[in-house]
Protein backbone atom coordinates (compact mmCIF):
# COMPACT_ATOMS: atom_id res chain seq x y z
CA MET A 1 5.91 3.25 5.93
CA ARG A 2 4.99 2.50 2.35
CA HIS A 3 5.84 5.25 -0.14
CA HIS A 4 8.04 7.08 2.36
CA VAL A 5 11.57 8.03 1.39
CA TYR A 6 14.31 7.20 3.88
CA ILE A 7 17.87 8.31 4.19
CA LEU A 8 20.23 5.37 4.52
CA LYS A 9 22.26 5.19 7.72
CA GLN A 10 25.25 3.90 5.75
CA SER A 11 25.10 4.98 2.12
CA LYS A 12 28.11 3.89 0.08
CA HIS A 13 27.03 5.75 -3.06
CA ARG A 14 26.99 9.56 -2.92
CA ASP A 15 24.42 9.79 -5.71
CA ARG A 16 22.04 7.34 -3.97
CA PRO A 17 21.37 8.80 -0.54
CA TYR A 18 17.76 7.58 -0.32
CA VAL A 19 15.53 4.56 -0.74
CA ILE A 20 11.77 4.43 -1.05
CA ASP A 21 9.71 1.88 0.85
CA LEU A 22 7.51 -0.09 -1.56
CA GLN A 23 6.20 -2.74 0.85
CA ASN A 24 2.63 -3.09 2.07
CA ASN A 25 2.23 -1.72 5.59
CA LEU A 26 0.33 -4.87 6.62
CA LEU A 27 3.72 -6.62 6.69
CA SER A 28 5.21 -4.28 9.28
CA ASP A 29 6.16 -7.15 11.61
CA LEU A 30 8.92 -8.29 9.23
CA GLY A 31 12.48 -7.19 9.96
CA THR A 32 12.96 -6.02 6.39
CA ARG A 33 11.22 -3.73 3.94
CA LEU A 34 11.13 -3.90 0.14
CA VAL A 35 12.92 -0.76 -0.95
CA ALA A 36 14.34 0.65 -4.18
CA PRO A 37 17.16 3.17 -4.42
CA LEU A 38 16.70 6.72 -5.64
CA GLN A 39 19.59 8.08 -7.70
CA ARG A 40 20.21 11.73 -8.45
CA LEU A 41 18.95 12.46 -11.96
CA ALA A 42 22.07 14.46 -12.75
CA SER A 43 24.19 11.30 -12.36
CA VAL A 44 22.06 9.09 -14.63
CA ASN A 45 22.52 8.76 -18.38
CA ALA A 46 19.18 9.95 -19.76
CA GLY A 47 19.30 7.29 -22.49
CA GLU A 48 19.18 4.55 -19.85
CA ILE A 49 15.93 5.70 -18.26
CA ILE A 50 12.88 3.55 -19.02
CA ASP A 51 10.02 5.93 -18.26
CA GLU A 52 7.42 3.65 -16.67
CA LEU A 53 9.99 1.51 -14.87
CA MET A 54 12.19 4.35 -13.67
CA PRO A 55 10.02 7.39 -12.88
CA ILE A 56 11.59 10.69 -11.93
CA LEU A 57 10.56 11.86 -8.47
CA THR A 58 11.26 15.16 -6.73
CA ILE A 59 12.53 15.10 -3.15
CA GLY A 60 13.47 18.30 -1.39
CA GLY A 61 13.51 20.20 -4.66
CA GLU A 62 15.92 17.76 -6.32
CA ASP A 63 15.06 15.21 -9.01
CA PHE A 64 15.81 11.52 -8.49
CA VAL A 65 15.31 8.43 -10.64
CA LEU A 66 13.61 5.46 -8.97
CA LEU A 67 15.70 2.38 -9.75
CA THR A 68 12.82 -0.07 -9.48
CA GLN A 69 14.88 -2.81 -11.13
CA GLU A 70 17.20 -2.75 -8.09
CA ALA A 71 14.44 -3.26 -5.50
CA ALA A 72 15.46 -5.54 -2.66
CA ALA A 73 14.70 -6.45 0.93
CA TYR A 74 16.59 -4.14 3.28
CA PRO A 75 16.86 -4.39 7.09
CA ILE A 76 14.66 -1.86 8.86
CA LYS A 77 17.51 -1.08 11.26
CA GLY A 78 19.53 0.25 8.28
CA LEU A 79 16.95 2.87 7.44
CA GLY A 80 17.40 6.35 8.83
CA HIS A 81 14.68 8.95 9.23
CA ALA A 82 11.99 9.62 6.64
CA VAL A 83 12.67 12.66 4.46
CA ALA A 84 9.56 12.61 2.27
CA ASP A 85 6.13 11.04 1.90
CA LEU A 86 5.37 10.21 -1.74
CA THR A 87 1.96 8.66 -1.09
CA SER A 88 0.57 11.18 -3.57
CA GLN A 89 2.66 9.36 -6.22
CA ALA A 90 1.27 5.92 -5.29
CA SER A 91 -0.04 5.16 -8.78
CA VAL A 92 3.33 6.00 -10.38
CA LEU A 93 5.16 3.82 -7.86
CA THR A 94 2.73 0.91 -8.25
CA ASN A 95 2.96 1.14 -12.04
CA ALA A 96 6.75 0.96 -11.84
CA LEU A 97 6.54 -2.21 -9.72
CA ASP A 98 3.97 -3.69 -12.08
CA ARG A 99 6.27 -2.99 -15.02
CA LEU A 100 9.02 -4.89 -13.22
CA VAL A 101 7.11 -7.94 -12.03
CA GLY A 102 3.74 -7.79 -13.80
């Protein structure tokens, strides 16, 4: 579901345990979803964060940076369970995508 955060079934990067689904729900019949990784804020160099492209989001009381510039199609079968619904942050997420491709 769009704007939901998912744990990855096979995460190779300890500081990137989650991805956020950025794809329109009308395209739910596809076998992939457009997702972007979320990296723990503590592991990111603050000088590398571009505010509107890489917003900071809180999940389970921990801050993460949305790496919009690394968005990619990801197989649905590789997504684990949803851990958060960030629909309330829809405008922030859409602005980040617009900054990337707009």
